Amino acid sequence: MTTMNLADTIIMFVGFYFLISTAMMKVHGRVNRMLISKKYDPQKARDLPGFISCMYLPNLVIGFVTMAVGAAHFVVADILGKEDIGIYIYMAYVILFVIYAFGLARAQKKYLSPS
């Protein structure tokens, strides 16, 4: 197993963890600390159910995309031998994740800021 295979496997597990955390967030109404900045306290949140509703679909999407990126990079770079395409996959993912992070920050400010 090469280093990139290990990285792809870890990326797929992170995507799976995102999906599990999102499902637990929806079912139990508690937000995983992975999704919240340290400056926000879920106990003092203005509208925690609103935050969960707002971020449920984006979290599912980023979880599935993260798993797909790990799998796609493994297939493209390791099996097909097209390392340059694998780099483009990661670049596109970073752009998508930055967009997600800005949306997450906006949702935190809107729903989790104390009244």
PDB file of N, CA and C in Angstrom:
ATOM      1  N   MET A   1       0.846  -1.177   0.000  1.00  0.00           N
ATOM      2  CA  MET A   1       0.000   0.000   0.000  1.00  0.00           C
ATOM      3  C   MET A   1       0.893   1.242   0.000  1.00  0.00           C
ATOM      4  N   THR A   2       0.678   2.102  -0.971  1.00  0.00           N
ATOM      5  CA  THR A   2       1.474   3.323  -1.047  1.00  0.00           C
ATOM      6  C   THR A   2       0.890   4.384  -0.125  1.00  0.00           C
ATOM      7  N   THR A   3       1.612   5.471  -0.003  1.00  0.00           N
ATOM      8  CA  THR A   3       1.152   6.566   0.847  1.00  0.00           C
ATOM      9  C   THR A   3      -0.155   7.146   0.334  1.00  0.00           C
ATOM     10  N   MET A   4      -0.297   7.283  -0.974  1.00  0.00           N
ATOM     11  CA  MET A   4      -1.532   7.837  -1.526  1.00  0.00           C
ATOM     12  C   MET A   4      -2.700   6.879  -1.332  1.00  0.00           C
ATOM     13  N   ASN A   5      -2.464   5.582  -1.385  1.00  0.00           N
ATOM     14  CA  ASN A   5      -3.541   4.638  -1.087  1.00  0.00           C
ATOM     15  C   ASN A   5      -4.021   4.830   0.338  1.00  0.00           C
ATOM     16  N   LEU A   6      -3.089   5.010   1.252  1.00  0.00           N
ATOM     17  CA  LEU A   6      -3.449   5.249   2.644  1.00  0.00           C
ATOM     18  C   LEU A   6      -4.216   6.556   2.777  1.00  0.00           C
ATOM     19  N   ALA A   7      -3.770   7.594   2.093  1.00  0.00           N
ATOM     20  CA  ALA A   7      -4.464   8.887   2.133  1.00  0.00           C
ATOM     21  C   ALA A   7      -5.873   8.757   1.558  1.00  0.00           C
ATOM     22  N   ASP A   8      -6.018   8.040   0.453  1.00  0.00           N
ATOM     23  CA  ASP A   8      -7.344   7.841  -0.138  1.00  0.00           C
ATOM     24  C   ASP A   8      -8.257   7.085   0.814  1.00  0.00           C
ATOM     25  N   THR A   9      -7.727   6.093   1.495  1.00  0.00           N
ATOM     26  CA  THR A   9      -8.516   5.329   2.463  1.00  0.00           C
ATOM     27  C   THR A   9      -8.951   6.216   3.620  1.00  0.00           C
ATOM     28  N   ILE A  10      -8.052   7.038   4.113  1.00  0.00           N
ATOM     29  CA  ILE A  10      -8.400   7.950   5.212  1.00  0.00           C
ATOM     30  C   ILE A  10      -9.462   8.942   4.753  1.00  0.00           C
ATOM     31  N   ILE A  11      -9.332   9.458   3.541  1.00  0.00           N
ATOM     32  CA  ILE A  11     -10.322  10.397   3.010  1.00  0.00           C
ATOM     33  C   ILE A  11     -11.688   9.734   2.914  1.00  0.00           C
ATOM     34  N   MET A  12     -11.736   8.488   2.468  1.00  0.00           N
ATOM     35  CA  MET A  12     -13.019   7.782   2.400  1.00  0.00           C
ATOM     36  C   MET A  12     -13.617   7.588   3.792  1.00  0.00           C
ATOM     37  N   PHE A  13     -12.786   7.270   4.783  1.00  0.00           N
ATOM     38  CA  PHE A  13     -13.289   7.122   6.148  1.00  0.00           C
ATOM     39  C   PHE A  13     -13.784   8.451   6.711  1.00  0.00           C
ATOM     40  N   VAL A  14     -13.119   9.553   6.378  1.00  0.00           N
ATOM     41  CA  VAL A  14     -13.581  10.872   6.827  1.00  0.00           C
ATOM     42  C   VAL A  14     -14.954  11.173   6.225  1.00  0.00           C
ATOM     43  N   GLY A  15     -15.145  10.856   4.963  1.00  0.00           N
ATOM     44  CA  GLY A  15     -16.456  11.036   4.340  1.00  0.00           C
ATOM     45  C   GLY A  15     -17.517  10.188   5.015  1.00  0.00           C
ATOM     46  N   PHE A  16     -17.169   8.950   5.341  1.00  0.00           N
ATOM     47  CA  PHE A  16     -18.103   8.069   6.048  1.00  0.00           C
ATOM     48  C   PHE A  16     -18.426   8.636   7.429  1.00  0.00           C
ATOM     49  N   TYR A  17     -17.418   9.177   8.115  1.00  0.00           N
ATOM     50  CA  TYR A  17     -17.636   9.788   9.429  1.00  0.00           C
ATOM     51  C   TYR A  17     -18.553  11.008   9.319  1.00  0.00           C
ATOM     52  N   PHE A  18     -18.395  11.788   8.260  1.00  0.00           N
ATOM     53  CA  PHE A  18     -19.293  12.913   8.013  1.00  0.00           C
ATOM     54  C   PHE A  18     -20.731  12.421   7.902  1.00  0.00           C
ATOM     55  N   LEU A  19     -20.940  11.343   7.153  1.00  0.00           N
ATOM     56  CA  LEU A  19     -22.292  10.817   6.968  1.00  0.00           C
ATOM     57  C   LEU A  19     -22.884  10.313   8.281  1.00  0.00           C
ATOM     58  N   ILE A  20     -22.086   9.585   9.057  1.00  0.00           N
ATOM     59  CA  ILE A  20     -22.565   9.076  10.343  1.00  0.00           C
ATOM     60  C   ILE A  20     -22.880  10.237  11.281  1.00  0.00           C
ATOM     61  N   SER A  21     -22.001  11.231  11.343  1.00  0.00           N
ATOM     62  CA  SER A  21     -22.222  12.393  12.211  1.00  0.00           C
ATOM     63  C   SER A  21     -23.474  13.155  11.800  1.00  0.00           C
ATOM     64  N   THR A  22     -23.702  13.265  10.501  1.00  0.00           N
ATOM     65  CA  THR A  22     -24.883  13.963  10.005  1.00  0.00           C
ATOM     66  C   THR A  22     -26.154  13.206  10.365  1.00  0.00           C
ATOM     67  N   ALA A  23     -26.133  11.895  10.218  1.00  0.00           N
ATOM     68  CA  ALA A  23     -27.301  11.093  10.586  1.00  0.00           C
ATOM     69  C   ALA A  23     -27.580  11.186  12.081  1.00  0.00           C
ATOM     70  N   MET A  24     -26.535  11.118  12.890  1.00  0.00           N
ATOM     71  CA  MET A  24     -26.715  11.224  14.346  1.00  0.00           C
ATOM     72  C   MET A  24     -27.216  12.619  14.727  1.00  0.00           C
ATOM     73  N   MET A  25     -26.752  13.630  14.010  1.00  0.00           N
ATOM     74  CA  MET A  25     -27.199  14.993  14.264  1.00  0.00           C
ATOM     75  C   MET A  25     -28.701  15.101  14.006  1.00  0.00           C
ATOM     76  N   LYS A  26     -29.159  14.530  12.922  1.00  0.00           N
ATOM     77  CA  LYS A  26     -30.579  14.611  12.566  1.00  0.00           C
ATOM     78  C   LYS A  26     -31.436  13.791  13.532  1.00  0.00           C
ATOM     79  N   VAL A  27     -30.975  12.608  13.903  1.00  0.00           N
ATOM     80  CA  VAL A  27     -31.765  11.713  14.753  1.00  0.00           C
ATOM     81  C   VAL A  27     -31.816  12.201  16.198  1.00  0.00           C
ATOM     82  N   HIS A  28     -30.657  12.571  16.750  1.00  0.00           N
ATOM     83  CA  HIS A  28     -30.583  12.899  18.174  1.00  0.00           C
ATOM     84  C   HIS A  28     -30.667  14.389  18.469  1.00  0.00           C
ATOM     85  N   GLY A  29     -30.563  15.242  17.469  1.00  0.00           N
ATOM     86  CA  GLY A  29     -30.659  16.676  17.690  1.00  0.00           C
ATOM     87  C   GLY A  29     -29.436  17.296  18.340  1.00  0.00           C
ATOM     88  N   ARG A  30     -28.319  16.585  18.328  1.00  0.00           N
ATOM     89  CA  ARG A  30     -27.057  17.111  18.868  1.00  0.00           C
ATOM     90  C   ARG A  30     -26.072  17.253  17.718  1.00  0.00           C
ATOM     91  N   VAL A  31     -25.311  18.327  17.761  1.00  0.00           N
ATOM     92  CA  VAL A  31     -24.354  18.595  16.693  1.00  0.00           C
ATOM     93  C   VAL A  31     -22.970  18.148  17.140  1.00  0.00           C
ATOM     94  N   ASN A  32     -22.293  17.421  16.277  1.00  0.00           N
ATOM     95  CA  ASN A  32     -20.930  16.973  16.547  1.00  0.00           C
ATOM     96  C   ASN A  32     -20.002  18.183  16.605  1.00  0.00           C
ATOM     97  N   ARG A  33     -19.075  18.192  17.548  1.00  0.00           N
ATOM     98  CA  ARG A  33     -18.141  19.316  17.689  1.00  0.00           C
ATOM     99  C   ARG A  33     -17.267  19.483  16.449  1.00  0.00           C
ATOM    100  N   MET A  34     -17.155  18.463  15.625  1.00  0.00           N
ATOM    101  CA  MET A  34     -16.395  18.573  14.386  1.00  0.00           C
ATOM    102  C   MET A  34     -17.000  19.639  13.470  1.00  0.00           C
ATOM    103  N   LEU A  35     -18.302  19.856  13.582  1.00  0.00           N
ATOM    104  CA  LEU A  35     -19.003  20.762  12.684  1.00  0.00           C
ATOM    105  C   LEU A  35     -19.159  22.170  13.236  1.00  0.00           C
ATOM    106  N   ILE A  36     -18.743  22.397  14.466  1.00  0.00           N
ATOM    107  CA  ILE A  36     -18.960  23.697  15.099  1.00  0.00           C
ATOM    108  C   ILE A  36     -17.621  24.297  15.508  1.00  0.00           C
ATOM    109  N   SER A  37     -17.481  25.580  15.250  1.00  0.00           N
ATOM    110  CA  SER A  37     -16.298  26.305  15.699  1.00  0.00           C
ATOM    111  C   SER A  37     -16.268  26.335  17.226  1.00  0.00           C
ATOM    112  N   LYS A  38     -15.079  26.431  17.787  1.00  0.00           N
ATOM    113  CA  LYS A  38     -14.942  26.428  19.245  1.00  0.00           C
ATOM    114  C   LYS A  38     -15.564  27.656  19.891  1.00  0.00           C
ATOM    115  N   LYS A  39     -15.779  28.723  19.126  1.00  0.00           N
ATOM    116  CA  LYS A  39     -16.341  29.930  19.726  1.00  0.00           C
ATOM    117  C   LYS A  39     -17.858  29.848  19.917  1.00  0.00           C
ATOM    118  N   TYR A  40     -18.492  28.797  19.396  1.00  0.00           N
ATOM    119  CA  TYR A  40     -19.932  28.624  19.568  1.00  0.00           C
ATOM    120  C   TYR A  40     -20.207  27.473  20.520  1.00  0.00           C
ATOM    121  N   ASP A  41     -21.114  27.710  21.454  1.00  0.00           N
ATOM    122  CA  ASP A  41     -21.514  26.681  22.407  1.00  0.00           C
ATOM    123  C   ASP A  41     -22.910  26.187  22.023  1.00  0.00           C
ATOM    124  N   PRO A  42     -23.063  24.907  21.700  1.00  0.00           N
ATOM    125  CA  PRO A  42     -24.383  24.407  21.301  1.00  0.00           C
ATOM    126  C   PRO A  42     -25.442  24.574  22.393  1.00  0.00           C
ATOM    127  N   GLN A  43     -25.023  24.591  23.654  1.00  0.00           N
ATOM    128  CA  GLN A  43     -25.980  24.755  24.757  1.00  0.00           C
ATOM    129  C   GLN A  43     -26.590  26.158  24.763  1.00  0.00           C
ATOM    130  N   LYS A  44     -25.852  27.144  24.246  1.00  0.00           N
ATOM    131  CA  LYS A  44     -26.318  28.529  24.242  1.00  0.00           C
ATOM    132  C   LYS A  44     -26.770  28.978  22.857  1.00  0.00           C
ATOM    133  N   ALA A  45     -26.982  28.042  21.969  1.00  0.00           N
ATOM    134  CA  ALA A  45     -27.332  28.372  20.582  1.00  0.00           C
ATOM    135  C   ALA A  45     -28.709  29.013  20.512  1.00  0.00           C
ATOM    136  N   ARG A  46     -28.843  29.941  19.600  1.00  0.00           N
ATOM    137  CA  ARG A  46     -30.115  30.622  19.398  1.00  0.00           C
ATOM    138  C   ARG A  46     -31.151  29.671  18.792  1.00  0.00           C
ATOM    139  N   ASP A  47     -30.743  28.898  17.785  1.00  0.00           N
ATOM    140  CA  ASP A  47     -31.677  28.014  17.080  1.00  0.00           C
ATOM    141  C   ASP A  47     -30.940  26.764  16.598  1.00  0.00           C
ATOM    142  N   LEU A  48     -30.714  25.823  17.499  1.00  0.00           N
ATOM    143  CA  LEU A  48     -29.997  24.597  17.143  1.00  0.00           C
ATOM    144  C   LEU A  48     -30.777  23.745  16.136  1.00  0.00           C
ATOM    145  N   PRO A  49     -32.104  23.566  16.299  1.00  0.00           N
ATOM    146  CA  PRO A  49     -32.844  22.809  15.272  1.00  0.00           C
ATOM    147  C   PRO A  49     -32.781  23.471  13.890  1.00  0.00           C
ATOM    148  N   GLY A  50     -32.749  24.795  13.855  1.00  0.00           N
ATOM    149  CA  GLY A  50     -32.614  25.500  12.579  1.00  0.00           C
ATOM    150  C   GLY A  50     -31.264  25.233  11.934  1.00  0.00           C
ATOM    151  N   PHE A  51     -30.212  25.201  12.756  1.00  0.00           N
ATOM    152  CA  PHE A  51     -28.875  24.896  12.246  1.00  0.00           C
ATOM    153  C   PHE A  51     -28.836  23.479  11.688  1.00  0.00           C
ATOM    154  N   ILE A  52     -29.432  22.551  12.413  1.00  0.00           N
ATOM    155  CA  ILE A  52     -29.450  21.159  11.956  1.00  0.00           C
ATOM    156  C   ILE A  52     -30.198  21.045  10.632  1.00  0.00           C
ATOM    157  N   SER A  53     -31.349  21.708  10.522  1.00  0.00           N
ATOM    158  CA  SER A  53     -32.113  21.672   9.273  1.00  0.00           C
ATOM    159  C   SER A  53     -31.351  22.323   8.124  1.00  0.00           C
ATOM    160  N   CYS A  54     -30.680  23.428   8.423  1.00  0.00           N
ATOM    161  CA  CYS A  54     -29.941  24.161   7.389  1.00  0.00           C
ATOM    162  C   CYS A  54     -28.745  23.366   6.876  1.00  0.00           C
ATOM    163  N   MET A  55     -28.043  22.685   7.759  1.00  0.00           N
ATOM    164  CA  MET A  55     -26.789  22.032   7.384  1.00  0.00           C
ATOM    165  C   MET A  55     -26.928  20.541   7.087  1.00  0.00           C
ATOM    166  N   TYR A  56     -28.116  19.978   7.223  1.00  0.00           N
ATOM    167  CA  TYR A  56     -28.285  18.545   7.002  1.00  0.00           C
ATOM    168  C   TYR A  56     -27.913  18.146   5.570  1.00  0.00           C
ATOM    169  N   LEU A  57     -28.521  18.778   4.597  1.00  0.00           N
ATOM    170  CA  LEU A  57     -28.248  18.422   3.199  1.00  0.00           C
ATOM    171  C   LEU A  57     -26.806  18.746   2.783  1.00  0.00           C
ATOM    172  N   PRO A  58     -26.272  19.942   3.098  1.00  0.00           N
ATOM    173  CA  PRO A  58     -24.861  20.180   2.746  1.00  0.00           C
ATOM    174  C   PRO A  58     -23.897  19.178   3.390  1.00  0.00           C
ATOM    175  N   ASN A  59     -24.175  18.766   4.624  1.00  0.00           N
ATOM    176  CA  ASN A  59     -23.307  17.780   5.275  1.00  0.00           C
ATOM    177  C   ASN A  59     -23.395  16.427   4.580  1.00  0.00           C
ATOM    178  N   LEU A  60     -24.597  16.032   4.182  1.00  0.00           N
ATOM    179  CA  LEU A  60     -24.732  14.776   3.434  1.00  0.00           C
ATOM    180  C   LEU A  60     -23.962  14.845   2.119  1.00  0.00           C
ATOM    181  N   VAL A  61     -24.118  15.947   1.417  1.00  0.00           N
ATOM    182  CA  VAL A  61     -23.442  16.106   0.128  1.00  0.00           C
ATOM    183  C   VAL A  61     -21.929  16.060   0.309  1.00  0.00           C
ATOM    184  N   ILE A  62     -21.400  16.809   1.276  1.00  0.00           N
ATOM    185  CA  ILE A  62     -19.944  16.841   1.456  1.00  0.00           C
ATOM    186  C   ILE A  62     -19.435  15.475   1.927  1.00  0.00           C
ATOM    187  N   GLY A  63     -20.235  14.741   2.696  1.00  0.00           N
ATOM    188  CA  GLY A  63     -19.839  13.396   3.110  1.00  0.00           C
ATOM    189  C   GLY A  63     -19.745  12.439   1.930  1.00  0.00           C
ATOM    190  N   PHE A  64     -20.778  12.440   1.087  1.00  0.00           N
ATOM    191  CA  PHE A  64     -20.756  11.571  -0.090  1.00  0.00           C
ATOM    192  C   PHE A  64     -19.650  11.976  -1.061  1.00  0.00           C
ATOM    193  N   VAL A  65     -19.486  13.278  -1.259  1.00  0.00           N
ATOM    194  CA  VAL A  65     -18.448  13.750  -2.178  1.00  0.00           C
ATOM    195  C   VAL A  65     -17.061  13.392  -1.650  1.00  0.00           C
ATOM    196  N   THR A  66     -16.856  13.509  -0.347  1.00  0.00           N
ATOM    197  CA  THR A  66     -15.557  13.163   0.233  1.00  0.00           C
ATOM    198  C   THR A  66     -15.246  11.687   0.015  1.00  0.00           C
ATOM    199  N   MET A  67     -16.241  10.830   0.246  1.00  0.00           N
ATOM    200  CA  MET A  67     -16.028   9.407  -0.015  1.00  0.00           C
ATOM    201  C   MET A  67     -15.744   9.162  -1.497  1.00  0.00           C
ATOM    202  N   ALA A  68     -16.490   9.837  -2.366  1.00  0.00           N
ATOM    203  CA  ALA A  68     -16.307   9.657  -3.806  1.00  0.00           C
ATOM    204  C   ALA A  68     -14.942  10.153  -4.266  1.00  0.00           C
ATOM    205  N   VAL A  69     -14.463  11.242  -3.673  1.00  0.00           N
ATOM    206  CA  VAL A  69     -13.147  11.775  -4.048  1.00  0.00           C
ATOM    207  C   VAL A  69     -12.050  10.777  -3.693  1.00  0.00           C
ATOM    208  N   GLY A  70     -12.128  10.200  -2.508  1.00  0.00           N
ATOM    209  CA  GLY A  70     -11.129   9.201  -2.123  1.00  0.00           C
ATOM    210  C   GLY A  70     -11.139   8.005  -3.055  1.00  0.00           C
ATOM    211  N   ALA A  71     -12.336   7.523  -3.379  1.00  0.00           N
ATOM    212  CA  ALA A  71     -12.449   6.372  -4.273  1.00  0.00           C
ATOM    213  C   ALA A  71     -12.015   6.727  -5.696  1.00  0.00           C
ATOM    214  N   ALA A  72     -12.428   7.899  -6.171  1.00  0.00           N
ATOM    215  CA  ALA A  72     -12.084   8.300  -7.537  1.00  0.00           C
ATOM    216  C   ALA A  72     -10.581   8.499  -7.689  1.00  0.00           C
ATOM    217  N   HIS A  73      -9.955   9.105  -6.701  1.00  0.00           N
ATOM    218  CA  HIS A  73      -8.506   9.302  -6.792  1.00  0.00           C
ATOM    219  C   HIS A  73      -7.789   7.959  -6.790  1.00  0.00           C
ATOM    220  N   PHE A  74      -8.261   7.035  -5.979  1.00  0.00           N
ATOM    221  CA  PHE A  74      -7.651   5.707  -5.955  1.00  0.00           C
ATOM    222  C   PHE A  74      -7.747   5.048  -7.329  1.00  0.00           C
ATOM    223  N   VAL A  75      -8.931   5.098  -7.929  1.00  0.00           N
ATOM    224  CA  VAL A  75      -9.132   4.457  -9.233  1.00  0.00           C
ATOM    225  C   VAL A  75      -8.323   5.159 -10.319  1.00  0.00           C
ATOM    226  N   VAL A  76      -8.429   6.471 -10.374  1.00  0.00           N
ATOM    227  CA  VAL A  76      -7.786   7.215 -11.459  1.00  0.00           C
ATOM    228  C   VAL A  76      -6.265   7.186 -11.341  1.00  0.00           C
ATOM    229  N   ALA A  77      -5.748   7.469 -10.158  1.00  0.00           N
ATOM    230  CA  ALA A  77      -4.298   7.598 -10.007  1.00  0.00           C
ATOM    231  C   ALA A  77      -3.606   6.249  -9.860  1.00  0.00           C
ATOM    232  N   ASP A  78      -4.178   5.357  -9.077  1.00  0.00           N
ATOM    233  CA  ASP A  78      -3.479   4.111  -8.782  1.00  0.00           C
ATOM    234  C   ASP A  78      -3.790   2.993  -9.772  1.00  0.00           C
ATOM    235  N   ILE A  79      -5.030   2.854 -10.156  1.00  0.00           N
ATOM    236  CA  ILE A  79      -5.389   1.759 -11.057  1.00  0.00           C
ATOM    237  C   ILE A  79      -5.143   2.146 -12.517  1.00  0.00           C
ATOM    238  N   LEU A  80      -5.592   3.349 -12.906  1.00  0.00           N
ATOM    239  CA  LEU A  80      -5.421   3.780 -14.294  1.00  0.00           C
ATOM    240  C   LEU A  80      -4.082   4.461 -14.548  1.00  0.00           C
ATOM    241  N   GLY A  81      -3.409   4.890 -13.494  1.00  0.00           N
ATOM    242  CA  GLY A  81      -2.096   5.511 -13.643  1.00  0.00           C
ATOM    243  C   GLY A  81      -2.116   6.944 -14.141  1.00  0.00           C
ATOM    244  N   LYS A  82      -3.218   7.636 -13.979  1.00  0.00           N
ATOM    245  CA  LYS A  82      -3.347   9.031 -14.435  1.00  0.00           C
ATOM    246  C   LYS A  82      -3.227   9.970 -13.233  1.00  0.00           C
ATOM    247  N   GLU A  83      -2.010  10.157 -12.741  1.00  0.00           N
ATOM    248  CA  GLU A  83      -1.802  10.952 -11.536  1.00  0.00           C
ATOM    249  C   GLU A  83      -2.229  12.400 -11.708  1.00  0.00           C
ATOM    250  N   ASP A  84      -2.063  12.952 -12.913  1.00  0.00           N
ATOM    251  CA  ASP A  84      -2.433  14.349 -13.123  1.00  0.00           C
ATOM    252  C   ASP A  84      -3.937  14.557 -12.966  1.00  0.00           C
ATOM    253  N   ILE A  85      -4.737  13.607 -13.407  1.00  0.00           N
ATOM    254  CA  ILE A  85      -6.185  13.715 -13.230  1.00  0.00           C
ATOM    255  C   ILE A  85      -6.536  13.617 -11.748  1.00  0.00           C
ATOM    256  N   GLY A  86      -5.812  12.782 -11.012  1.00  0.00           N
ATOM    257  CA  GLY A  86      -6.028  12.683  -9.571  1.00  0.00           C
ATOM    258  C   GLY A  86      -5.786  14.002  -8.864  1.00  0.00           C
ATOM    259  N   ILE A  87      -4.789  14.757  -9.317  1.00  0.00           N
ATOM    260  CA  ILE A  87      -4.515  16.083  -8.741  1.00  0.00           C
ATOM    261  C   ILE A  87      -5.684  17.018  -9.024  1.00  0.00           C
ATOM    262  N   TYR A  88      -6.236  16.962 -10.226  1.00  0.00           N
ATOM    263  CA  TYR A  88      -7.378  17.816 -10.569  1.00  0.00           C
ATOM    264  C   TYR A  88      -8.599  17.459  -9.724  1.00  0.00           C
ATOM    265  N   ILE A  89      -8.764  16.191  -9.431  1.00  0.00           N
ATOM    266  CA  ILE A  89      -9.869  15.772  -8.561  1.00  0.00           C
ATOM    267  C   ILE A  89      -9.722  16.422  -7.193  1.00  0.00           C
ATOM    268  N   TYR A  90      -8.518  16.380  -6.639  1.00  0.00           N
ATOM    269  CA  TYR A  90      -8.293  16.996  -5.329  1.00  0.00           C
ATOM    270  C   TYR A  90      -8.466  18.511  -5.380  1.00  0.00           C
ATOM    271  N   MET A  91      -8.032  19.146  -6.462  1.00  0.00           N
ATOM    272  CA  MET A  91      -8.193  20.598  -6.581  1.00  0.00           C
ATOM    273  C   MET A  91      -9.671  20.980  -6.620  1.00  0.00           C
ATOM    274  N   ALA A  92     -10.464  20.239  -7.370  1.00  0.00           N
ATOM    275  CA  ALA A  92     -11.900  20.509  -7.428  1.00  0.00           C
ATOM    276  C   ALA A  92     -12.540  20.286  -6.062  1.00  0.00           C
ATOM    277  N   TYR A  93     -12.085  19.265  -5.356  1.00  0.00           N
ATOM    278  CA  TYR A  93     -12.627  18.990  -4.026  1.00  0.00           C
ATOM    279  C   TYR A  93     -12.295  20.116  -3.052  1.00  0.00           C
ATOM    280  N   VAL A  94     -11.083  20.630  -3.115  1.00  0.00           N
ATOM    281  CA  VAL A  94     -10.700  21.729  -2.221  1.00  0.00           C
ATOM    282  C   VAL A  94     -11.582  22.946  -2.477  1.00  0.00           C
ATOM    283  N   ILE A  95     -11.852  23.252  -3.733  1.00  0.00           N
ATOM    284  CA  ILE A  95     -12.731  24.381  -4.060  1.00  0.00           C
ATOM    285  C   ILE A  95     -14.123  24.141  -3.493  1.00  0.00           C
ATOM    286  N   LEU A  96     -14.661  22.943  -3.679  1.00  0.00           N
ATOM    287  CA  LEU A  96     -15.978  22.616  -3.136  1.00  0.00           C
ATOM    288  C   LEU A  96     -15.982  22.705  -1.615  1.00  0.00           C
ATOM    289  N   PHE A  97     -14.926  22.238  -0.974  1.00  0.00           N
ATOM    290  CA  PHE A  97     -14.878  22.260   0.487  1.00  0.00           C
ATOM    291  C   PHE A  97     -14.781  23.686   1.016  1.00  0.00           C
ATOM    292  N   VAL A  98     -14.092  24.567   0.313  1.00  0.00           N
ATOM    293  CA  VAL A  98     -14.028  25.976   0.728  1.00  0.00           C
ATOM    294  C   VAL A  98     -15.415  26.607   0.648  1.00  0.00           C
ATOM    295  N   ILE A  99     -16.155  26.308  -0.399  1.00  0.00           N
ATOM    296  CA  ILE A  99     -17.531  26.805  -0.516  1.00  0.00           C
ATOM    297  C   ILE A  99     -18.375  26.273   0.636  1.00  0.00           C
ATOM    298  N   TYR A 100     -18.236  24.992   0.947  1.00  0.00           N
ATOM    299  CA  TYR A 100     -18.951  24.395   2.081  1.00  0.00           C
ATOM    300  C   TYR A 100     -18.572  25.085   3.389  1.00  0.00           C
ATOM    301  N   ALA A 101     -17.291  25.361   3.583  1.00  0.00           N
ATOM    302  CA  ALA A 101     -16.832  25.983   4.826  1.00  0.00           C
ATOM    303  C   ALA A 101     -17.416  27.382   4.997  1.00  0.00           C
ATOM    304  N   PHE A 102     -17.510  28.150   3.909  1.00  0.00           N
ATOM    305  CA  PHE A 102     -18.128  29.472   4.001  1.00  0.00           C
ATOM    306  C   PHE A 102     -19.607  29.352   4.360  1.00  0.00           C
ATOM    307  N   GLY A 103     -20.306  28.387   3.771  1.00  0.00           N
ATOM    308  CA  GLY A 103     -21.710  28.164   4.117  1.00  0.00           C
ATOM    309  C   GLY A 103     -21.879  27.728   5.561  1.00  0.00           C
ATOM    310  N   LEU A 104     -20.981  26.884   6.034  1.00  0.00           N
ATOM    311  CA  LEU A 104     -21.025  26.437   7.427  1.00  0.00           C
ATOM    312  C   LEU A 104     -20.793  27.608   8.375  1.00  0.00           C
ATOM    313  N   ALA A 105     -19.832  28.458   8.058  1.00  0.00           N
ATOM    314  CA  ALA A 105     -19.556  29.627   8.906  1.00  0.00           C
ATOM    315  C   ALA A 105     -20.754  30.569   8.940  1.00  0.00           C
ATOM    316  N   ARG A 106     -21.396  30.764   7.800  1.00  0.00           N
ATOM    317  CA  ARG A 106     -22.578  31.629   7.754  1.00  0.00           C
ATOM    318  C   ARG A 106     -23.726  31.035   8.567  1.00  0.00           C
ATOM    319  N   ALA A 107     -23.925  29.722   8.464  1.00  0.00           N
ATOM    320  CA  ALA A 107     -24.985  29.068   9.237  1.00  0.00           C
ATOM    321  C   ALA A 107     -24.691  29.123  10.731  1.00  0.00           C
ATOM    322  N   GLN A 108     -23.436  28.965  11.112  1.00  0.00           N
ATOM    323  CA  GLN A 108     -23.082  29.061  12.527  1.00  0.00           C
ATOM    324  C   GLN A 108     -23.392  30.449  13.061  1.00  0.00           C
ATOM    325  N   LYS A 109     -23.041  31.457  12.296  1.00  0.00           N
ATOM    326  CA  LYS A 109     -23.283  32.829  12.735  1.00  0.00           C
ATOM    327  C   LYS A 109     -24.780  33.105  12.847  1.00  0.00           C
ATOM    328  N   LYS A 110     -25.553  32.592  11.907  1.00  0.00           N
ATOM    329  CA  LYS A 110     -26.993  32.851  11.893  1.00  0.00           C
ATOM    330  C   LYS A 110     -27.732  32.085  12.988  1.00  0.00           C
ATOM    331  N   TYR A 111     -27.399  30.816  13.193  1.00  0.00           N
ATOM    332  CA  TYR A 111     -28.186  29.967  14.083  1.00  0.00           C
ATOM    333  C   TYR A 111     -27.567  29.721  15.453  1.00  0.00           C
ATOM    334  N   LEU A 112     -26.264  29.796  15.573  1.00  0.00           N
ATOM    335  CA  LEU A 112     -25.622  29.405  16.826  1.00  0.00           C
ATOM    336  C   LEU A 112     -25.161  30.577  17.681  1.00  0.00           C
ATOM    337  N   SER A 113     -25.196  31.794  17.142  1.00  0.00           N
ATOM    338  CA  SER A 113     -24.810  32.950  17.958  1.00  0.00           C
ATOM    339  C   SER A 113     -25.823  33.124  19.083  1.00  0.00           C
ATOM    340  N   PRO A 114     -25.343  33.408  20.295  1.00  0.00           N
ATOM    341  CA  PRO A 114     -26.295  33.632  21.391  1.00  0.00           C
ATOM    342  C   PRO A 114     -27.181  34.837  21.086  1.00  0.00           C
ATOM    343  N   SER A 115     -28.370  34.805  21.595  1.00  0.00           N
ATOM    344  CA  SER A 115     -29.348  35.874  21.320  1.00  0.00           C
ATOM    345  C   SER A 115     -28.864  37.225  21.739  1.00  0.00           C
TER     346      SER A 115
END
